[in-house]
Amino acid sequence: MFKKRISLPIYETVINLFVVPTIDHMQAYLDKKANALVDVSDSYGCVFSLNGPKGAEYYIVYVEDKLSTNLISHEIYHLATNILTDINIKDEESTAWLVGHLTEKIYRVLRQKKYNIKE
């Protein structure tokens, strides 16, 4: 299981990127960390938040052999809308900017780790 913390200072939050062999690996991690407050079963990717020491921390999770441009962008959109909804920002331009920013950051990490991303 790969994990990387990504700081998002402009929104004073942290994103935890996980790439897991199976979603069951993530569920086992969450069962220990969050006492089963989050259910991620039956998915190839997901987004959720948990309270951290400095407020909400966001999680974006991908199953390694299901990585595709579609799945990555799908979950990034959910991530951006969750972050902005939590701070009551609803405008389209802010969402578009954040989606672009997160896409660059997440793809950079995935490429550095040499993950195979399907078209």
PDB file of N, CA and C in Angstrom:
ATOM      1  N   MET A   1       0.849  -1.173   0.000  1.00  0.00           N
ATOM      2  CA  MET A   1       0.000   0.000   0.000  1.00  0.00           C
ATOM      3  C   MET A   1       0.900   1.244   0.000  1.00  0.00           C
ATOM      4  N   PHE A   2       0.644   2.123  -0.953  1.00  0.00           N
ATOM      5  CA  PHE A   2       1.392   3.378  -1.062  1.00  0.00           C
ATOM      6  C   PHE A   2       0.530   4.511  -0.518  1.00  0.00           C
ATOM      7  N   LYS A   3       1.139   5.394   0.258  1.00  0.00           N
ATOM      8  CA  LYS A   3       0.415   6.583   0.691  1.00  0.00           C
ATOM      9  C   LYS A   3       1.332   7.795   0.663  1.00  0.00           C
ATOM     10  N   LYS A   4       0.722   8.927   0.358  1.00  0.00           N
ATOM     11  CA  LYS A   4       1.463  10.184   0.259  1.00  0.00           C
ATOM     12  C   LYS A   4       0.571  11.302   0.777  1.00  0.00           C
ATOM     13  N   ARG A   5       1.099  12.089   1.684  1.00  0.00           N
ATOM     14  CA  ARG A   5       0.384  13.273   2.177  1.00  0.00           C
ATOM     15  C   ARG A   5       0.698  14.438   1.250  1.00  0.00           C
ATOM     16  N   ILE A   6      -0.338  15.123   0.832  1.00  0.00           N
ATOM     17  CA  ILE A   6      -0.200  16.274  -0.056  1.00  0.00           C
ATOM     18  C   ILE A   6      -0.796  17.471   0.664  1.00  0.00           C
ATOM     19  N   SER A   7       0.025  18.463   0.875  1.00  0.00           N
ATOM     20  CA  SER A   7      -0.429  19.667   1.556  1.00  0.00           C
ATOM     21  C   SER A   7      -1.164  20.576   0.576  1.00  0.00           C
ATOM     22  N   LEU A   8      -2.230  21.177   1.042  1.00  0.00           N
ATOM     23  CA  LEU A   8      -2.996  22.131   0.252  1.00  0.00           C
ATOM     24  C   LEU A   8      -3.146  23.398   1.099  1.00  0.00           C
ATOM     25  N   PRO A   9      -2.056  24.185   1.192  1.00  0.00           N
ATOM     26  CA  PRO A   9      -2.046  25.308   2.134  1.00  0.00           C
ATOM     27  C   PRO A   9      -3.117  26.365   1.883  1.00  0.00           C
ATOM     28  N   ILE A  10      -3.463  26.613   0.630  1.00  0.00           N
ATOM     29  CA  ILE A  10      -4.445  27.656   0.357  1.00  0.00           C
ATOM     30  C   ILE A  10      -5.800  27.340   1.013  1.00  0.00           C
ATOM     31  N   TYR A  11      -6.088  26.048   1.201  1.00  0.00           N
ATOM     32  CA  TYR A  11      -7.325  25.648   1.864  1.00  0.00           C
ATOM     33  C   TYR A  11      -7.074  25.095   3.268  1.00  0.00           C
ATOM     34  N   GLU A  12      -5.843  25.253   3.735  1.00  0.00           N
ATOM     35  CA  GLU A  12      -5.443  24.827   5.074  1.00  0.00           C
ATOM     36  C   GLU A  12      -5.862  23.392   5.371  1.00  0.00           C
ATOM     37  N   THR A  13      -5.544  22.513   4.431  1.00  0.00           N
ATOM     38  CA  THR A  13      -5.913  21.115   4.618  1.00  0.00           C
ATOM     39  C   THR A  13      -4.854  20.188   4.047  1.00  0.00           C
ATOM     40  N   VAL A  14      -5.042  18.925   4.290  1.00  0.00           N
ATOM     41  CA  VAL A  14      -4.132  17.880   3.844  1.00  0.00           C
ATOM     42  C   VAL A  14      -4.932  16.837   3.083  1.00  0.00           C
ATOM     43  N   ILE A  15      -4.317  16.328   2.020  1.00  0.00           N
ATOM     44  CA  ILE A  15      -4.904  15.242   1.243  1.00  0.00           C
ATOM     45  C   ILE A  15      -4.013  14.026   1.425  1.00  0.00           C
ATOM     46  N   ASN A  16      -4.622  12.901   1.705  1.00  0.00           N
ATOM     47  CA  ASN A  16      -3.909  11.645   1.836  1.00  0.00           C
ATOM     48  C   ASN A  16      -4.215  10.796   0.610  1.00  0.00           C
ATOM     49  N   LEU A  17      -3.229  10.643  -0.242  1.00  0.00           N
ATOM     50  CA  LEU A  17      -3.362   9.837  -1.456  1.00  0.00           C
ATOM     51  C   LEU A  17      -2.943   8.410  -1.145  1.00  0.00           C
ATOM     52  N   PHE A  18      -3.808   7.461  -1.435  1.00  0.00           N
ATOM     53  CA  PHE A  18      -3.513   6.040  -1.245  1.00  0.00           C
ATOM     54  C   PHE A  18      -3.667   5.310  -2.572  1.00  0.00           C
ATOM     55  N   VAL A  19      -2.725   4.419  -2.865  1.00  0.00           N
ATOM     56  CA  VAL A  19      -2.861   3.465  -3.957  1.00  0.00           C
ATOM     57  C   VAL A  19      -2.699   2.095  -3.302  1.00  0.00           C
ATOM     58  N   VAL A  20      -3.746   1.289  -3.430  1.00  0.00           N
ATOM     59  CA  VAL A  20      -3.797   0.024  -2.701  1.00  0.00           C
ATOM     60  C   VAL A  20      -3.919  -1.153  -3.667  1.00  0.00           C
ATOM     61  N   PRO A  21      -3.420  -2.334  -3.263  1.00  0.00           N
ATOM     62  CA  PRO A  21      -3.549  -3.504  -4.131  1.00  0.00           C
ATOM     63  C   PRO A  21      -5.011  -3.914  -4.330  1.00  0.00           C
ATOM     64  N   THR A  22      -5.789  -3.850  -3.261  1.00  0.00           N
ATOM     65  CA  THR A  22      -7.228  -4.125  -3.330  1.00  0.00           C
ATOM     66  C   THR A  22      -7.924  -3.158  -2.382  1.00  0.00           C
ATOM     67  N   ILE A  23      -9.192  -2.947  -2.595  1.00  0.00           N
ATOM     68  CA  ILE A  23      -9.943  -2.050  -1.714  1.00  0.00           C
ATOM     69  C   ILE A  23     -10.044  -2.640  -0.310  1.00  0.00           C
ATOM     70  N   ASP A  24      -9.927  -3.972  -0.201  1.00  0.00           N
ATOM     71  CA  ASP A  24      -9.948  -4.604   1.125  1.00  0.00           C
ATOM     72  C   ASP A  24      -8.781  -4.143   1.988  1.00  0.00           C
ATOM     73  N   HIS A  25      -7.624  -3.854   1.351  1.00  0.00           N
ATOM     74  CA  HIS A  25      -6.485  -3.323   2.108  1.00  0.00           C
ATOM     75  C   HIS A  25      -6.840  -1.971   2.736  1.00  0.00           C
ATOM     76  N   MET A  26      -7.518  -1.141   1.979  1.00  0.00           N
ATOM     77  CA  MET A  26      -7.915   0.163   2.504  1.00  0.00           C
ATOM     78  C   MET A  26      -8.957   0.010   3.590  1.00  0.00           C
ATOM     79  N   GLN A  27      -9.899  -0.904   3.398  1.00  0.00           N
ATOM     80  CA  GLN A  27     -10.931  -1.108   4.419  1.00  0.00           C
ATOM     81  C   GLN A  27     -10.311  -1.576   5.730  1.00  0.00           C
ATOM     82  N   ALA A  28      -9.326  -2.464   5.663  1.00  0.00           N
ATOM     83  CA  ALA A  28      -8.650  -2.933   6.877  1.00  0.00           C
ATOM     84  C   ALA A  28      -7.942  -1.773   7.574  1.00  0.00           C
ATOM     85  N   TYR A  29      -7.285  -0.913   6.802  1.00  0.00           N
ATOM     86  CA  TYR A  29      -6.617   0.269   7.354  1.00  0.00           C
ATOM     87  C   TYR A  29      -7.644   1.166   8.052  1.00  0.00           C
ATOM     88  N   LEU A  30      -8.776   1.400   7.395  1.00  0.00           N
ATOM     89  CA  LEU A  30      -9.805   2.269   7.959  1.00  0.00           C
ATOM     90  C   LEU A  30     -10.471   1.659   9.186  1.00  0.00           C
ATOM     91  N   ASP A  31     -10.647   0.359   9.183  1.00  0.00           N
ATOM     92  CA  ASP A  31     -11.255  -0.293  10.345  1.00  0.00           C
ATOM     93  C   ASP A  31     -10.407  -0.049  11.594  1.00  0.00           C
ATOM     94  N   LYS A  32      -9.095  -0.011  11.426  1.00  0.00           N
ATOM     95  CA  LYS A  32      -8.201   0.273  12.556  1.00  0.00           C
ATOM     96  C   LYS A  32      -8.180   1.762  12.877  1.00  0.00           C
ATOM     97  N   LYS A  33      -8.041   2.596  11.861  1.00  0.00           N
ATOM     98  CA  LYS A  33      -7.876   4.038  12.066  1.00  0.00           C
ATOM     99  C   LYS A  33      -9.172   4.731  12.458  1.00  0.00           C
ATOM    100  N   ALA A  34     -10.273   4.371  11.832  1.00  0.00           N
ATOM    101  CA  ALA A  34     -11.523   5.101  12.010  1.00  0.00           C
ATOM    102  C   ALA A  34     -12.619   4.263  12.655  1.00  0.00           C
ATOM    103  N   ASN A  35     -12.253   3.137  13.222  1.00  0.00           N
ATOM    104  CA  ASN A  35     -13.243   2.275  13.876  1.00  0.00           C
ATOM    105  C   ASN A  35     -14.460   2.008  12.997  1.00  0.00           C
ATOM    106  N   ALA A  36     -14.192   1.704  11.731  1.00  0.00           N
ATOM    107  CA  ALA A  36     -15.228   1.324  10.759  1.00  0.00           C
ATOM    108  C   ALA A  36     -16.265   2.421  10.506  1.00  0.00           C
ATOM    109  N   LEU A  37     -15.872   3.674  10.655  1.00  0.00           N
ATOM    110  CA  LEU A  37     -16.783   4.779  10.358  1.00  0.00           C
ATOM    111  C   LEU A  37     -16.956   4.993   8.859  1.00  0.00           C
ATOM    112  N   VAL A  38     -16.019   4.463   8.085  1.00  0.00           N
ATOM    113  CA  VAL A  38     -16.054   4.635   6.635  1.00  0.00           C
ATOM    114  C   VAL A  38     -16.072   3.263   5.985  1.00  0.00           C
ATOM    115  N   ASP A  39     -16.976   3.088   5.020  1.00  0.00           N
ATOM    116  CA  ASP A  39     -17.057   1.829   4.273  1.00  0.00           C
ATOM    117  C   ASP A  39     -16.674   2.119   2.822  1.00  0.00           C
ATOM    118  N   VAL A  40     -15.572   1.537   2.374  1.00  0.00           N
ATOM    119  CA  VAL A  40     -15.105   1.755   1.000  1.00  0.00           C
ATOM    120  C   VAL A  40     -15.238   0.497   0.145  1.00  0.00           C
ATOM    121  N   SER A  41     -15.865  -0.523   0.684  1.00  0.00           N
ATOM    122  CA  SER A  41     -15.976  -1.776  -0.064  1.00  0.00           C
ATOM    123  C   SER A  41     -16.745  -1.572  -1.362  1.00  0.00           C
ATOM    124  N   ASP A  42     -16.496  -2.451  -2.301  1.00  0.00           N
ATOM    125  CA  ASP A  42     -17.172  -2.426  -3.612  1.00  0.00           C
ATOM    126  C   ASP A  42     -16.882  -1.168  -4.417  1.00  0.00           C
ATOM    127  N   SER A  43     -15.621  -0.744  -4.421  1.00  0.00           N
ATOM    128  CA  SER A  43     -15.260   0.398  -5.264  1.00  0.00           C
ATOM    129  C   SER A  43     -13.825   0.224  -5.761  1.00  0.00           C
ATOM    130  N   TYR A  44     -13.504   0.940  -6.830  1.00  0.00           N
ATOM    131  CA  TYR A  44     -12.133   0.953  -7.357  1.00  0.00           C
ATOM    132  C   TYR A  44     -11.416   2.233  -6.968  1.00  0.00           C
ATOM    133  N   GLY A  45     -12.164   3.173  -6.434  1.00  0.00           N
ATOM    134  CA  GLY A  45     -11.619   4.435  -5.977  1.00  0.00           C
ATOM    135  C   GLY A  45     -12.648   5.120  -5.118  1.00  0.00           C
ATOM    136  N   CYS A  46     -12.190   5.977  -4.221  1.00  0.00           N
ATOM    137  CA  CYS A  46     -13.137   6.681  -3.361  1.00  0.00           C
ATOM    138  C   CYS A  46     -12.485   7.913  -2.755  1.00  0.00           C
ATOM    139  N   VAL A  47     -13.347   8.763  -2.219  1.00  0.00           N
ATOM    140  CA  VAL A  47     -12.936   9.988  -1.535  1.00  0.00           C
ATOM    141  C   VAL A  47     -13.762  10.097  -0.267  1.00  0.00           C
ATOM    142  N   PHE A  48     -13.113  10.476   0.822  1.00  0.00           N
ATOM    143  CA  PHE A  48     -13.821  10.707   2.083  1.00  0.00           C
ATOM    144  C   PHE A  48     -12.942  11.601   2.947  1.00  0.00           C
ATOM    145  N   SER A  49     -13.486  12.049   4.062  1.00  0.00           N
ATOM    146  CA  SER A  49     -12.694  12.857   4.999  1.00  0.00           C
ATOM    147  C   SER A  49     -12.832  12.274   6.403  1.00  0.00           C
ATOM    148  N   LEU A  50     -11.784  12.486   7.176  1.00  0.00           N
ATOM    149  CA  LEU A  50     -11.767  12.116   8.587  1.00  0.00           C
ATOM    150  C   LEU A  50     -11.189  13.289   9.364  1.00  0.00           C
ATOM    151  N   ASN A  51     -11.578  13.416  10.611  1.00  0.00           N
ATOM    152  CA  ASN A  51     -11.008  14.471  11.440  1.00  0.00           C
ATOM    153  C   ASN A  51      -9.575  14.132  11.790  1.00  0.00           C
ATOM    154  N   GLY A  52      -8.700  15.108  11.552  1.00  0.00           N
ATOM    155  CA  GLY A  52      -7.302  14.974  11.907  1.00  0.00           C
ATOM    156  C   GLY A  52      -6.975  15.937  13.029  1.00  0.00           C
ATOM    157  N   PRO A  53      -5.710  16.026  13.404  1.00  0.00           N
ATOM    158  CA  PRO A  53      -5.326  16.901  14.514  1.00  0.00           C
ATOM    159  C   PRO A  53      -5.593  18.388  14.254  1.00  0.00           C
ATOM    160  N   LYS A  54      -5.638  18.789  12.983  1.00  0.00           N
ATOM    161  CA  LYS A  54      -5.863  20.198  12.645  1.00  0.00           C
ATOM    162  C   LYS A  54      -7.140  20.401  11.847  1.00  0.00           C
ATOM    163  N   GLY A  55      -8.093  19.514  11.994  1.00  0.00           N
ATOM    164  CA  GLY A  55      -9.352  19.622  11.254  1.00  0.00           C
ATOM    165  C   GLY A  55      -9.488  18.481  10.267  1.00  0.00           C
ATOM    166  N   ALA A  56     -10.379  18.672   9.306  1.00  0.00           N
ATOM    167  CA  ALA A  56     -10.653  17.610   8.332  1.00  0.00           C
ATOM    168  C   ALA A  56      -9.424  17.314   7.482  1.00  0.00           C
ATOM    169  N   GLU A  57      -9.179  16.035   7.273  1.00  0.00           N
ATOM    170  CA  GLU A  57      -8.176  15.563   6.324  1.00  0.00           C
ATOM    171  C   GLU A  57      -8.917  14.757   5.281  1.00  0.00           C
ATOM    172  N   TYR A  58      -8.540  14.960   4.036  1.00  0.00           N
ATOM    173  CA  TYR A  58      -9.230  14.312   2.922  1.00  0.00           C
ATOM    174  C   TYR A  58      -8.407  13.137   2.429  1.00  0.00           C
ATOM    175  N   TYR A  59      -9.105  12.105   1.988  1.00  0.00           N
ATOM    176  CA  TYR A  59      -8.485  10.889   1.489  1.00  0.00           C
ATOM    177  C   TYR A  59      -8.979  10.639   0.078  1.00  0.00           C
ATOM    178  N   ILE A  60      -8.041  10.308  -0.803  1.00  0.00           N
ATOM    179  CA  ILE A  60      -8.383   9.885  -2.158  1.00  0.00           C
ATOM    180  C   ILE A  60      -7.673   8.555  -2.366  1.00  0.00           C
ATOM    181  N   VAL A  61      -8.439   7.545  -2.752  1.00  0.00           N
ATOM    182  CA  VAL A  61      -7.944   6.171  -2.779  1.00  0.00           C
ATOM    183  C   VAL A  61      -8.182   5.570  -4.158  1.00  0.00           C
ATOM    184  N   TYR A  62      -7.154   4.885  -4.663  1.00  0.00           N
ATOM    185  CA  TYR A  62      -7.256   4.180  -5.942  1.00  0.00           C
ATOM    186  C   TYR A  62      -6.774   2.750  -5.770  1.00  0.00           C
ATOM    187  N   VAL A  63      -7.454   1.810  -6.430  1.00  0.00           N
ATOM    188  CA  VAL A  63      -6.966   0.432  -6.520  1.00  0.00           C
ATOM    189  C   VAL A  63      -5.963   0.405  -7.672  1.00  0.00           C
ATOM    190  N   GLU A  64      -4.757  -0.090  -7.385  1.00  0.00           N
ATOM    191  CA  GLU A  64      -3.639   0.020  -8.325  1.00  0.00           C
ATOM    192  C   GLU A  64      -3.940  -0.511  -9.718  1.00  0.00           C
ATOM    193  N   ASP A  65      -4.482  -1.707  -9.838  1.00  0.00           N
ATOM    194  CA  ASP A  65      -4.669  -2.270 -11.182  1.00  0.00           C
ATOM    195  C   ASP A  65      -5.908  -1.713 -11.895  1.00  0.00           C
ATOM    196  N   LYS A  66      -6.609  -0.792 -11.262  1.00  0.00           N
ATOM    197  CA  LYS A  66      -7.766  -0.141 -11.892  1.00  0.00           C
ATOM    198  C   LYS A  66      -7.471   1.314 -12.268  1.00  0.00           C
ATOM    199  N   LEU A  67      -6.231   1.758 -12.043  1.00  0.00           N
ATOM    200  CA  LEU A  67      -5.883   3.149 -12.344  1.00  0.00           C
ATOM    201  C   LEU A  67      -6.113   3.465 -13.815  1.00  0.00           C
ATOM    202  N   SER A  68      -6.914   4.473 -14.056  1.00  0.00           N
ATOM    203  CA  SER A  68      -7.156   4.944 -15.417  1.00  0.00           C
ATOM    204  C   SER A  68      -7.360   6.455 -15.362  1.00  0.00           C
ATOM    205  N   THR A  69      -7.222   7.107 -16.515  1.00  0.00           N
ATOM    206  CA  THR A  69      -7.445   8.551 -16.544  1.00  0.00           C
ATOM    207  C   THR A  69      -8.875   8.862 -16.097  1.00  0.00           C
ATOM    208  N   ASN A  70      -9.820   8.019 -16.479  1.00  0.00           N
ATOM    209  CA  ASN A  70     -11.206   8.238 -16.086  1.00  0.00           C
ATOM    210  C   ASN A  70     -11.373   8.151 -14.574  1.00  0.00           C
ATOM    211  N   LEU A  71     -10.864   7.097 -13.960  1.00  0.00           N
ATOM    212  CA  LEU A  71     -11.008   6.923 -12.514  1.00  0.00           C
ATOM    213  C   LEU A  71     -10.292   8.032 -11.756  1.00  0.00           C
ATOM    214  N   ILE A  72      -9.096   8.377 -12.190  1.00  0.00           N
ATOM    215  CA  ILE A  72      -8.336   9.423 -11.502  1.00  0.00           C
ATOM    216  C   ILE A  72      -9.100  10.741 -11.535  1.00  0.00           C
ATOM    217  N   SER A  73      -9.561  11.144 -12.717  1.00  0.00           N
ATOM    218  CA  SER A  73     -10.271  12.419 -12.822  1.00  0.00           C
ATOM    219  C   SER A  73     -11.606  12.376 -12.081  1.00  0.00           C
ATOM    220  N   HIS A  74     -12.284  11.251 -12.114  1.00  0.00           N
ATOM    221  CA  HIS A  74     -13.562  11.094 -11.411  1.00  0.00           C
ATOM    222  C   HIS A  74     -13.390  11.363  -9.912  1.00  0.00           C
ATOM    223  N   GLU A  75     -12.394  10.724  -9.321  1.00  0.00           N
ATOM    224  CA  GLU A  75     -12.183  10.882  -7.876  1.00  0.00           C
ATOM    225  C   GLU A  75     -11.638  12.274  -7.537  1.00  0.00           C
ATOM    226  N   ILE A  76     -10.828  12.846  -8.408  1.00  0.00           N
ATOM    227  CA  ILE A  76     -10.333  14.204  -8.165  1.00  0.00           C
ATOM    228  C   ILE A  76     -11.493  15.197  -8.140  1.00  0.00           C
ATOM    229  N   TYR A  77     -12.456  15.024  -9.023  1.00  0.00           N
ATOM    230  CA  TYR A  77     -13.628  15.901  -9.012  1.00  0.00           C
ATOM    231  C   TYR A  77     -14.361  15.798  -7.670  1.00  0.00           C
ATOM    232  N   HIS A  78     -14.592  14.574  -7.198  1.00  0.00           N
ATOM    233  CA  HIS A  78     -15.241  14.397  -5.895  1.00  0.00           C
ATOM    234  C   HIS A  78     -14.425  15.064  -4.788  1.00  0.00           C
ATOM    235  N   LEU A  79     -13.114  14.889  -4.833  1.00  0.00           N
ATOM    236  CA  LEU A  79     -12.238  15.480  -3.826  1.00  0.00           C
ATOM    237  C   LEU A  79     -12.379  16.995  -3.813  1.00  0.00           C
ATOM    238  N   ALA A  80     -12.298  17.612  -4.981  1.00  0.00           N
ATOM    239  CA  ALA A  80     -12.399  19.071  -5.073  1.00  0.00           C
ATOM    240  C   ALA A  80     -13.747  19.566  -4.557  1.00  0.00           C
ATOM    241  N   THR A  81     -14.817  18.910  -4.957  1.00  0.00           N
ATOM    242  CA  THR A  81     -16.136  19.373  -4.513  1.00  0.00           C
ATOM    243  C   THR A  81     -16.323  19.162  -3.008  1.00  0.00           C
ATOM    244  N   ASN A  82     -15.779  18.088  -2.456  1.00  0.00           N
ATOM    245  CA  ASN A  82     -15.863  17.886  -1.002  1.00  0.00           C
ATOM    246  C   ASN A  82     -15.125  18.988  -0.253  1.00  0.00           C
ATOM    247  N   ILE A  83     -13.912  19.292  -0.682  1.00  0.00           N
ATOM    248  CA  ILE A  83     -13.125  20.330  -0.018  1.00  0.00           C
ATOM    249  C   ILE A  83     -13.860  21.668  -0.066  1.00  0.00           C
ATOM    250  N   LEU A  84     -14.323  22.040  -1.244  1.00  0.00           N
ATOM    251  CA  LEU A  84     -14.973  23.342  -1.398  1.00  0.00           C
ATOM    252  C   LEU A  84     -16.330  23.400  -0.704  1.00  0.00           C
ATOM    253  N   THR A  85     -17.087  22.331  -0.734  1.00  0.00           N
ATOM    254  CA  THR A  85     -18.375  22.298  -0.031  1.00  0.00           C
ATOM    255  C   THR A  85     -18.174  22.498   1.467  1.00  0.00           C
ATOM    256  N   ASP A  86     -17.135  21.861   2.008  1.00  0.00           N
ATOM    257  CA  ASP A  86     -16.884  21.961   3.449  1.00  0.00           C
ATOM    258  C   ASP A  86     -16.546  23.384   3.890  1.00  0.00           C
ATOM    259  N   ILE A  87     -16.059  24.216   2.971  1.00  0.00           N
ATOM    260  CA  ILE A  87     -15.750  25.610   3.329  1.00  0.00           C
ATOM    261  C   ILE A  87     -16.709  26.592   2.646  1.00  0.00           C
ATOM    262  N   ASN A  88     -17.813  26.053   2.161  1.00  0.00           N
ATOM    263  CA  ASN A  88     -18.905  26.853   1.606  1.00  0.00           C
ATOM    264  C   ASN A  88     -18.512  27.684   0.381  1.00  0.00           C
ATOM    265  N   ILE A  89     -17.682  27.111  -0.472  1.00  0.00           N
ATOM    266  CA  ILE A  89     -17.362  27.733  -1.758  1.00  0.00           C
ATOM    267  C   ILE A  89     -18.093  26.928  -2.823  1.00  0.00           C
ATOM    268  N   LYS A  90     -18.906  27.623  -3.630  1.00  0.00           N
ATOM    269  CA  LYS A  90     -19.775  26.916  -4.569  1.00  0.00           C
ATOM    270  C   LYS A  90     -19.580  27.329  -6.014  1.00  0.00           C
ATOM    271  N   ASP A  91     -18.683  28.269  -6.281  1.00  0.00           N
ATOM    272  CA  ASP A  91     -18.600  28.757  -7.660  1.00  0.00           C
ATOM    273  C   ASP A  91     -17.799  27.811  -8.557  1.00  0.00           C
ATOM    274  N   GLU A  92     -18.181  27.798  -9.810  1.00  0.00           N
ATOM    275  CA  GLU A  92     -17.616  26.897 -10.805  1.00  0.00           C
ATOM    276  C   GLU A  92     -16.129  27.143 -11.039  1.00  0.00           C
ATOM    277  N   GLU A  93     -15.708  28.391 -11.066  1.00  0.00           N
ATOM    278  CA  GLU A  93     -14.300  28.703 -11.340  1.00  0.00           C
ATOM    279  C   GLU A  93     -13.379  28.167 -10.245  1.00  0.00           C
ATOM    280  N   SER A  94     -13.793  28.276  -8.999  1.00  0.00           N
ATOM    281  CA  SER A  94     -12.986  27.728  -7.900  1.00  0.00           C
ATOM    282  C   SER A  94     -12.862  26.216  -8.012  1.00  0.00           C
ATOM    283  N   THR A  95     -13.958  25.573  -8.394  1.00  0.00           N
ATOM    284  CA  THR A  95     -13.933  24.115  -8.576  1.00  0.00           C
ATOM    285  C   THR A  95     -12.994  23.736  -9.713  1.00  0.00           C
ATOM    286  N   ALA A  96     -13.094  24.447 -10.833  1.00  0.00           N
ATOM    287  CA  ALA A  96     -12.236  24.155 -11.987  1.00  0.00           C
ATOM    288  C   ALA A  96     -10.764  24.358 -11.627  1.00  0.00           C
ATOM    289  N   TRP A  97     -10.453  25.443 -10.938  1.00  0.00           N
ATOM    290  CA  TRP A  97      -9.067  25.709 -10.549  1.00  0.00           C
ATOM    291  C   TRP A  97      -8.552  24.587  -9.656  1.00  0.00           C
ATOM    292  N   LEU A  98      -9.337  24.206  -8.642  1.00  0.00           N
ATOM    293  CA  LEU A  98      -8.891  23.179  -7.702  1.00  0.00           C
ATOM    294  C   LEU A  98      -8.748  21.820  -8.383  1.00  0.00           C
ATOM    295  N   VAL A  99      -9.669  21.468  -9.279  1.00  0.00           N
ATOM    296  CA  VAL A  99      -9.554  20.207 -10.026  1.00  0.00           C
ATOM    297  C   VAL A  99      -8.249  20.185 -10.812  1.00  0.00           C
ATOM    298  N   GLY A 100      -7.928  21.275 -11.500  1.00  0.00           N
ATOM    299  CA  GLY A 100      -6.682  21.348 -12.258  1.00  0.00           C
ATOM    300  C   GLY A 100      -5.457  21.218 -11.375  1.00  0.00           C
ATOM    301  N   HIS A 101      -5.469  21.927 -10.256  1.00  0.00           N
ATOM    302  CA  HIS A 101      -4.343  21.897  -9.323  1.00  0.00           C
ATOM    303  C   HIS A 101      -4.137  20.489  -8.749  1.00  0.00           C
ATOM    304  N   LEU A 102      -5.225  19.872  -8.321  1.00  0.00           N
ATOM    305  CA  LEU A 102      -5.130  18.517  -7.766  1.00  0.00           C
ATOM    306  C   LEU A 102      -4.702  17.504  -8.823  1.00  0.00           C
ATOM    307  N   THR A 103      -5.174  17.683 -10.041  1.00  0.00           N
ATOM    308  CA  THR A 103      -4.788  16.784 -11.132  1.00  0.00           C
ATOM    309  C   THR A 103      -3.289  16.823 -11.346  1.00  0.00           C
ATOM    310  N   GLU A 104      -2.709  18.009 -11.403  1.00  0.00           N
ATOM    311  CA  GLU A 104      -1.252  18.130 -11.564  1.00  0.00           C
ATOM    312  C   GLU A 104      -0.516  17.451 -10.423  1.00  0.00           C
ATOM    313  N   LYS A 105      -0.920  17.727  -9.190  1.00  0.00           N
ATOM    314  CA  LYS A 105      -0.229  17.163  -8.024  1.00  0.00           C
ATOM    315  C   LYS A 105      -0.328  15.638  -7.986  1.00  0.00           C
ATOM    316  N   ILE A 106      -1.527  15.114  -8.207  1.00  0.00           N
ATOM    317  CA  ILE A 106      -1.726  13.666  -8.101  1.00  0.00           C
ATOM    318  C   ILE A 106      -1.049  12.932  -9.248  1.00  0.00           C
ATOM    319  N   TYR A 107      -1.161  13.439 -10.467  1.00  0.00           N
ATOM    320  CA  TYR A 107      -0.475  12.791 -11.593  1.00  0.00           C
ATOM    321  C   TYR A 107       1.042  12.820 -11.405  1.00  0.00           C
ATOM    322  N   ARG A 108       1.564  13.906 -10.864  1.00  0.00           N
ATOM    323  CA  ARG A 108       3.006  13.986 -10.616  1.00  0.00           C
ATOM    324  C   ARG A 108       3.452  12.855  -9.688  1.00  0.00           C
ATOM    325  N   VAL A 109       2.721  12.635  -8.622  1.00  0.00           N
ATOM    326  CA  VAL A 109       3.059  11.566  -7.674  1.00  0.00           C
ATOM    327  C   VAL A 109       2.935  10.200  -8.344  1.00  0.00           C
ATOM    328  N   LEU A 110       1.841   9.969  -9.055  1.00  0.00           N
ATOM    329  CA  LEU A 110       1.632   8.660  -9.691  1.00  0.00           C
ATOM    330  C   LEU A 110       2.694   8.369 -10.746  1.00  0.00           C
ATOM    331  N   ARG A 111       3.092   9.381 -11.496  1.00  0.00           N
ATOM    332  CA  ARG A 111       4.152   9.185 -12.506  1.00  0.00           C
ATOM    333  C   ARG A 111       5.501   8.918 -11.846  1.00  0.00           C
ATOM    334  N   GLN A 112       5.809   9.649 -10.784  1.00  0.00           N
ATOM    335  CA  GLN A 112       7.072   9.422 -10.071  1.00  0.00           C
ATOM    336  C   GLN A 112       7.162   7.996  -9.543  1.00  0.00           C
ATOM    337  N   LYS A 113       6.037   7.447  -9.110  1.00  0.00           N
ATOM    338  CA  LYS A 113       6.001   6.073  -8.620  1.00  0.00           C
ATOM    339  C   LYS A 113       5.857   5.054  -9.732  1.00  0.00           C
ATOM    340  N   LYS A 114       5.768   5.554 -10.979  1.00  0.00           N
ATOM    341  CA  LYS A 114       5.718   4.713 -12.180  1.00  0.00           C
ATOM    342  C   LYS A 114       4.503   3.771 -12.207  1.00  0.00           C
ATOM    343  N   TYR A 115       3.380   4.263 -11.731  1.00  0.00           N
ATOM    344  CA  TYR A 115       2.154   3.474 -11.834  1.00  0.00           C
ATOM    345  C   TYR A 115       1.696   3.417 -13.289  1.00  0.00           C
ATOM    346  N   ASN A 116       1.140   2.284 -13.665  1.00  0.00           N
ATOM    347  CA  ASN A 116       0.593   2.102 -15.012  1.00  0.00           C
ATOM    348  C   ASN A 116      -0.822   2.675 -15.026  1.00  0.00           C
ATOM    349  N   ILE A 117      -1.008   3.747 -15.771  1.00  0.00           N
ATOM    350  CA  ILE A 117      -2.317   4.402 -15.860  1.00  0.00           C
ATOM    351  C   ILE A 117      -2.913   4.087 -17.212  1.00  0.00           C
ATOM    352  N   LYS A 118      -4.047   3.416 -17.196  1.00  0.00           N
ATOM    353  CA  LYS A 118      -4.721   3.054 -18.447  1.00  0.00           C
ATOM    354  C   LYS A 118      -5.422   4.269 -19.021  1.00  0.00           C
ATOM    355  N   GLU A 119      -5.492   4.303 -20.351  1.00  0.00           N
ATOM    356  CA  GLU A 119      -6.201   5.394 -21.025  1.00  0.00           C
ATOM    357  C   GLU A 119      -7.686   5.222 -20.878  1.00  0.00           C
TER     358      GLU A 119
END
